[in-house]
PDB file of N, CA and C in Angstrom:
ATOM      1  N   UNK A   1      -6.543 -39.925  -6.262  1.00  0.00           N
ATOM      2  CA  UNK A   1      -5.498 -39.065  -6.763  1.00  0.00           C
ATOM      3  C   UNK A   1      -4.252 -39.313  -5.918  1.00  0.00           C
ATOM      4  N   UNK A   2      -3.143 -39.454  -6.577  1.00  0.00           N
ATOM      5  CA  UNK A   2      -1.898 -39.740  -5.871  1.00  0.00           C
ATOM      6  C   UNK A   2      -1.237 -38.457  -5.377  1.00  0.00           C
ATOM      7  N   UNK A   3      -0.314 -38.615  -4.447  1.00  0.00           N
ATOM      8  CA  UNK A   3       0.414 -37.451  -3.954  1.00  0.00           C
ATOM      9  C   UNK A   3       1.271 -36.838  -5.058  1.00  0.00           C
ATOM     10  N   UNK A   4       1.736 -37.657  -5.969  1.00  0.00           N
ATOM     11  CA  UNK A   4       2.503 -37.153  -7.110  1.00  0.00           C
ATOM     12  C   UNK A   4       1.636 -36.253  -7.993  1.00  0.00           C
ATOM     13  N   UNK A   5       0.389 -36.642  -8.193  1.00  0.00           N
ATOM     14  CA  UNK A   5      -0.542 -35.823  -8.981  1.00  0.00           C
ATOM     15  C   UNK A   5      -0.823 -34.500  -8.275  1.00  0.00           C
ATOM     16  N   UNK A   6      -1.004 -34.550  -6.962  1.00  0.00           N
ATOM     17  CA  UNK A   6      -1.248 -33.325  -6.186  1.00  0.00           C
ATOM     18  C   UNK A   6      -0.049 -32.387  -6.303  1.00  0.00           C
ATOM     19  N   UNK A   7       1.148 -32.924  -6.200  1.00  0.00           N
ATOM     20  CA  UNK A   7       2.351 -32.101  -6.325  1.00  0.00           C
ATOM     21  C   UNK A   7       2.445 -31.466  -7.712  1.00  0.00           C
ATOM     22  N   UNK A   8       2.067 -32.208  -8.737  1.00  0.00           N
ATOM     23  CA  UNK A   8       2.081 -31.667 -10.100  1.00  0.00           C
ATOM     24  C   UNK A   8       1.074 -30.535 -10.242  1.00  0.00           C
ATOM     25  N   UNK A   9      -0.104 -30.723  -9.679  1.00  0.00           N
ATOM     26  CA  UNK A   9      -1.129 -29.674  -9.723  1.00  0.00           C
ATOM     27  C   UNK A   9      -0.648 -28.446  -8.961  1.00  0.00           C
ATOM     28  N   UNK A  10      -0.077 -28.667  -7.788  1.00  0.00           N
ATOM     29  CA  UNK A  10       0.374 -27.557  -6.946  1.00  0.00           C
ATOM     30  C   UNK A  10       1.516 -26.773  -7.586  1.00  0.00           C
ATOM     31  N   UNK A  11       2.262 -27.403  -8.462  1.00  0.00           N
ATOM     32  CA  UNK A  11       3.379 -26.701  -9.101  1.00  0.00           C
ATOM     33  C   UNK A  11       2.910 -25.784 -10.231  1.00  0.00           C
ATOM     34  N   UNK A  12       1.643 -25.863 -10.574  1.00  0.00           N
ATOM     35  CA  UNK A  12       1.088 -25.001 -11.611  1.00  0.00           C
ATOM     36  C   UNK A  12       0.299 -23.877 -10.965  1.00  0.00           C
ATOM     37  N   UNK A  13       0.699 -22.668 -11.232  1.00  0.00           N
ATOM     38  CA  UNK A  13      -0.005 -21.523 -10.652  1.00  0.00           C
ATOM     39  C   UNK A  13      -1.207 -21.097 -11.483  1.00  0.00           C
ATOM     40  N   UNK A  14      -1.501 -21.819 -12.557  1.00  0.00           N
ATOM     41  CA  UNK A  14      -2.562 -21.384 -13.464  1.00  0.00           C
ATOM     42  C   UNK A  14      -3.956 -21.847 -13.049  1.00  0.00           C
ATOM     43  N   UNK A  15      -4.055 -22.761 -12.095  1.00  0.00           N
ATOM     44  CA  UNK A  15      -5.378 -23.250 -11.691  1.00  0.00           C
ATOM     45  C   UNK A  15      -6.153 -22.173 -10.951  1.00  0.00           C
ATOM     46  N   UNK A  16      -7.363 -21.922 -11.419  1.00  0.00           N
ATOM     47  CA  UNK A  16      -8.260 -20.997 -10.731  1.00  0.00           C
ATOM     48  C   UNK A  16      -9.357 -21.759 -10.003  1.00  0.00           C
ATOM     49  N   UNK A  17      -9.741 -22.914 -10.548  1.00  0.00           N
ATOM     50  CA  UNK A  17     -10.807 -23.730  -9.975  1.00  0.00           C
ATOM     51  C   UNK A  17     -10.338 -25.181  -9.955  1.00  0.00           C
ATOM     52  N   UNK A  18     -10.568 -25.853  -8.824  1.00  0.00           N
ATOM     53  CA  UNK A  18     -10.165 -27.245  -8.704  1.00  0.00           C
ATOM     54  C   UNK A  18     -11.249 -27.996  -7.947  1.00  0.00           C
ATOM     55  N   UNK A  19     -11.735 -29.070  -8.540  1.00  0.00           N
ATOM     56  CA  UNK A  19     -12.789 -29.873  -7.932  1.00  0.00           C
ATOM     57  C   UNK A  19     -12.197 -31.210  -7.484  1.00  0.00           C
ATOM     58  N   UNK A  20     -12.052 -31.374  -6.186  1.00  0.00           N
ATOM     59  CA  UNK A  20     -11.535 -32.616  -5.608  1.00  0.00           C
ATOM     60  C   UNK A  20     -12.624 -33.353  -4.835  1.00  0.00           C
ATOM     61  N   UNK A  21     -13.870 -32.994  -5.081  1.00  0.00           N
ATOM     62  CA  UNK A  21     -14.974 -33.561  -4.306  1.00  0.00           C
ATOM     63  C   UNK A  21     -15.002 -35.081  -4.377  1.00  0.00           C
ATOM     64  N   UNK A  22     -15.259 -35.656  -3.213  1.00  0.00           N
ATOM     65  CA  UNK A  22     -15.450 -37.093  -3.024  1.00  0.00           C
ATOM     66  C   UNK A  22     -14.214 -37.943  -3.316  1.00  0.00           C
ATOM     67  N   UNK A  23     -13.052 -37.339  -3.380  1.00  0.00           N
ATOM     68  CA  UNK A  23     -11.829 -38.134  -3.516  1.00  0.00           C
ATOM     69  C   UNK A  23     -11.416 -38.614  -2.123  1.00  0.00           C
ATOM     70  N   UNK A  24     -11.246 -39.898  -1.974  1.00  0.00           N
ATOM     71  CA  UNK A  24     -11.076 -40.479  -0.637  1.00  0.00           C
ATOM     72  C   UNK A  24      -9.715 -40.211  -0.007  1.00  0.00           C
ATOM     73  N   UNK A  25      -8.705 -39.915  -0.789  1.00  0.00           N
ATOM     74  CA  UNK A  25      -7.385 -39.728  -0.192  1.00  0.00           C
ATOM     75  C   UNK A  25      -6.967 -38.263  -0.062  1.00  0.00           C
ATOM     76  N   UNK A  26      -7.894 -37.346  -0.205  1.00  0.00           N
ATOM     77  CA  UNK A  26      -7.596 -35.927  -0.017  1.00  0.00           C
ATOM     78  C   UNK A  26      -7.632 -35.629   1.478  1.00  0.00           C
ATOM     79  N   UNK A  27      -6.575 -34.985   1.965  1.00  0.00           N
ATOM     80  CA  UNK A  27      -6.440 -34.739   3.402  1.00  0.00           C
ATOM     81  C   UNK A  27      -5.966 -33.309   3.651  1.00  0.00           C
ATOM     82  N   UNK A  28      -5.747 -32.994   4.919  1.00  0.00           N
ATOM     83  CA  UNK A  28      -5.201 -31.685   5.268  1.00  0.00           C
ATOM     84  C   UNK A  28      -3.848 -31.461   4.596  1.00  0.00           C
ATOM     85  N   UNK A  29      -3.039 -32.509   4.504  1.00  0.00           N
ATOM     86  CA  UNK A  29      -1.731 -32.388   3.847  1.00  0.00           C
ATOM     87  C   UNK A  29      -1.900 -32.000   2.381  1.00  0.00           C
ATOM     88  N   UNK A  30      -2.915 -32.550   1.735  1.00  0.00           N
ATOM     89  CA  UNK A  30      -3.219 -32.198   0.346  1.00  0.00           C
ATOM     90  C   UNK A  30      -3.560 -30.716   0.252  1.00  0.00           C
ATOM     91  N   UNK A  31      -4.398 -30.264   1.167  1.00  0.00           N
ATOM     92  CA  UNK A  31      -4.844 -28.874   1.176  1.00  0.00           C
ATOM     93  C   UNK A  31      -3.660 -27.931   1.380  1.00  0.00           C
ATOM     94  N   UNK A  32      -2.754 -28.289   2.288  1.00  0.00           N
ATOM     95  CA  UNK A  32      -1.573 -27.459   2.536  1.00  0.00           C
ATOM     96  C   UNK A  32      -0.720 -27.361   1.273  1.00  0.00           C
ATOM     97  N   UNK A  33      -0.488 -28.487   0.621  1.00  0.00           N
ATOM     98  CA  UNK A  33       0.303 -28.505  -0.609  1.00  0.00           C
ATOM     99  C   UNK A  33      -0.322 -27.610  -1.670  1.00  0.00           C
ATOM    100  N   UNK A  34      -1.637 -27.715  -1.833  1.00  0.00           N
ATOM    101  CA  UNK A  34      -2.328 -26.899  -2.835  1.00  0.00           C
ATOM    102  C   UNK A  34      -2.318 -25.420  -2.465  1.00  0.00           C
ATOM    103  N   UNK A  35      -2.524 -25.121  -1.192  1.00  0.00           N
ATOM    104  CA  UNK A  35      -2.547 -23.728  -0.746  1.00  0.00           C
ATOM    105  C   UNK A  35      -1.199 -23.053  -0.971  1.00  0.00           C
ATOM    106  N   UNK A  36      -0.139 -23.796  -0.759  1.00  0.00           N
ATOM    107  CA  UNK A  36       1.197 -23.234  -0.938  1.00  0.00           C
ATOM    108  C   UNK A  36       1.579 -23.103  -2.410  1.00  0.00           C
ATOM    109  N   UNK A  37       1.053 -23.968  -3.261  1.00  0.00           N
ATOM    110  CA  UNK A  37       1.463 -23.968  -4.658  1.00  0.00           C
ATOM    111  C   UNK A  37       0.550 -23.238  -5.615  1.00  0.00           C
ATOM    112  N   UNK A  38      -0.743 -23.330  -5.407  1.00  0.00           N
ATOM    113  CA  UNK A  38      -1.722 -22.754  -6.345  1.00  0.00           C
ATOM    114  C   UNK A  38      -2.112 -21.358  -5.882  1.00  0.00           C
ATOM    115  N   UNK A  39      -1.242 -20.413  -6.112  1.00  0.00           N
ATOM    116  CA  UNK A  39      -1.435 -19.047  -5.601  1.00  0.00           C
ATOM    117  C   UNK A  39      -2.627 -18.324  -6.225  1.00  0.00           C
ATOM    118  N   UNK A  40      -3.041 -18.719  -7.419  1.00  0.00           N
ATOM    119  CA  UNK A  40      -4.131 -18.028  -8.109  1.00  0.00           C
ATOM    120  C   UNK A  40      -5.473 -18.742  -7.994  1.00  0.00           C
ATOM    121  N   UNK A  41      -5.553 -19.779  -7.181  1.00  0.00           N
ATOM    122  CA  UNK A  41      -6.790 -20.550  -7.067  1.00  0.00           C
ATOM    123  C   UNK A  41      -7.862 -19.733  -6.346  1.00  0.00           C
ATOM    124  N   UNK A  42      -9.022 -19.651  -6.976  1.00  0.00           N
ATOM    125  CA  UNK A  42     -10.149 -18.921  -6.408  1.00  0.00           C
ATOM    126  C   UNK A  42     -11.181 -19.853  -5.792  1.00  0.00           C
ATOM    127  N   UNK A  43     -11.263 -21.079  -6.281  1.00  0.00           N
ATOM    128  CA  UNK A  43     -12.327 -21.990  -5.863  1.00  0.00           C
ATOM    129  C   UNK A  43     -11.782 -23.410  -5.756  1.00  0.00           C
ATOM    130  N   UNK A  44     -11.963 -24.015  -4.583  1.00  0.00           N
ATOM    131  CA  UNK A  44     -11.541 -25.390  -4.346  1.00  0.00           C
ATOM    132  C   UNK A  44     -12.712 -26.136  -3.735  1.00  0.00           C
ATOM    133  N   UNK A  45     -13.211 -27.149  -4.429  1.00  0.00           N
ATOM    134  CA  UNK A  45     -14.345 -27.931  -3.943  1.00  0.00           C
ATOM    135  C   UNK A  45     -13.814 -29.165  -3.228  1.00  0.00           C
ATOM    136  N   UNK A  46     -14.079 -29.253  -1.930  1.00  0.00           N
ATOM    137  CA  UNK A  46     -13.646 -30.375  -1.101  1.00  0.00           C
ATOM    138  C   UNK A  46     -14.830 -31.147  -0.537  1.00  0.00           C
ATOM    139  N   UNK A  47     -15.987 -31.013  -1.162  1.00  0.00           N
ATOM    140  CA  UNK A  47     -17.185 -31.708  -0.704  1.00  0.00           C
ATOM    141  C   UNK A  47     -16.922 -33.203  -0.593  1.00  0.00           C
ATOM    142  N   UNK A  48     -17.257 -33.770   0.549  1.00  0.00           N
ATOM    143  CA  UNK A  48     -17.134 -35.206   0.752  1.00  0.00           C
ATOM    144  C   UNK A  48     -15.731 -35.693   1.049  1.00  0.00           C
ATOM    145  N   UNK A  49     -14.783 -34.801   1.181  1.00  0.00           N
ATOM    146  CA  UNK A  49     -13.403 -35.197   1.505  1.00  0.00           C
ATOM    147  C   UNK A  49     -13.301 -35.368   3.021  1.00  0.00           C
ATOM    148  N   UNK A  50     -13.481 -36.586   3.483  1.00  0.00           N
ATOM    149  CA  UNK A  50     -13.607 -36.883   4.907  1.00  0.00           C
ATOM    150  C   UNK A  50     -12.353 -36.592   5.723  1.00  0.00           C
ATOM    151  N   UNK A  51     -11.194 -36.553   5.079  1.00  0.00           N
ATOM    152  CA  UNK A  51      -9.949 -36.367   5.815  1.00  0.00           C
ATOM    153  C   UNK A  51      -9.474 -34.919   5.832  1.00  0.00           C
ATOM    154  N   UNK A  52     -10.316 -34.009   5.343  1.00  0.00           N
ATOM    155  CA  UNK A  52     -10.022 -32.584   5.446  1.00  0.00           C
ATOM    156  C   UNK A  52     -10.760 -32.066   6.670  1.00  0.00           C
ATOM    157  N   UNK A  53      -9.997 -31.528   7.611  1.00  0.00           N
ATOM    158  CA  UNK A  53     -10.564 -31.051   8.871  1.00  0.00           C
ATOM    159  C   UNK A  53     -10.641 -29.525   8.867  1.00  0.00           C
ATOM    160  N   UNK A  54     -11.142 -28.992   9.945  1.00  0.00           N
ATOM    161  CA  UNK A  54     -11.187 -27.547  10.110  1.00  0.00           C
ATOM    162  C   UNK A  54      -9.809 -26.920  10.027  1.00  0.00           C
ATOM    163  N   UNK A  55      -8.814 -27.644  10.497  1.00  0.00           N
ATOM    164  CA  UNK A  55      -7.432 -27.155  10.437  1.00  0.00           C
ATOM    165  C   UNK A  55      -6.981 -26.963   8.986  1.00  0.00           C
ATOM    166  N   UNK A  56      -7.348 -27.908   8.131  1.00  0.00           N
ATOM    167  CA  UNK A  56      -7.011 -27.793   6.715  1.00  0.00           C
ATOM    168  C   UNK A  56      -7.693 -26.601   6.073  1.00  0.00           C
ATOM    169  N   UNK A  57      -8.941 -26.379   6.422  1.00  0.00           N
ATOM    170  CA  UNK A  57      -9.692 -25.241   5.885  1.00  0.00           C
ATOM    171  C   UNK A  57      -9.075 -23.927   6.367  1.00  0.00           C
ATOM    172  N   UNK A  58      -8.659 -23.885   7.628  1.00  0.00           N
ATOM    173  CA  UNK A  58      -8.004 -22.681   8.153  1.00  0.00           C
ATOM    174  C   UNK A  58      -6.711 -22.386   7.403  1.00  0.00           C
ATOM    175  N   UNK A  59      -5.997 -23.430   7.025  1.00  0.00           N
ATOM    176  CA  UNK A  59      -4.773 -23.260   6.238  1.00  0.00           C
ATOM    177  C   UNK A  59      -5.092 -22.574   4.918  1.00  0.00           C
ATOM    178  N   UNK A  60      -6.178 -22.989   4.289  1.00  0.00           N
ATOM    179  CA  UNK A  60      -6.594 -22.353   3.033  1.00  0.00           C
ATOM    180  C   UNK A  60      -6.884 -20.877   3.237  1.00  0.00           C
ATOM    181  N   UNK A  61      -7.571 -20.571   4.308  1.00  0.00           N
ATOM    182  CA  UNK A  61      -7.932 -19.176   4.570  1.00  0.00           C
ATOM    183  C   UNK A  61      -6.692 -18.314   4.791  1.00  0.00           C
ATOM    184  N   UNK A  62      -5.685 -18.875   5.437  1.00  0.00           N
ATOM    185  CA  UNK A  62      -4.449 -18.122   5.684  1.00  0.00           C
ATOM    186  C   UNK A  62      -3.700 -17.824   4.393  1.00  0.00           C
ATOM    187  N   UNK A  63      -3.772 -18.740   3.440  1.00  0.00           N
ATOM    188  CA  UNK A  63      -3.066 -18.555   2.177  1.00  0.00           C
ATOM    189  C   UNK A  63      -3.904 -17.789   1.157  1.00  0.00           C
ATOM    190  N   UNK A  64      -5.199 -17.683   1.408  1.00  0.00           N
ATOM    191  CA  UNK A  64      -6.079 -17.054   0.434  1.00  0.00           C
ATOM    192  C   UNK A  64      -6.273 -15.637   0.719  1.00  0.00           C
TER     193      UNK A  64
END
């Protein structure tokens, strides 16, 4: 998934569930972008996203 696609997703507040599992280019920066843009998201699956760290998860918790 490209950064342009992530920005497009983040600009939509209608997402409630997003499955990004096993996407190799998902990172903490991706998580921050989504947390700031997808205000109504209830569920984000990041299984297997090796570049998402504890810091990225903490960012989600702060916005959620």
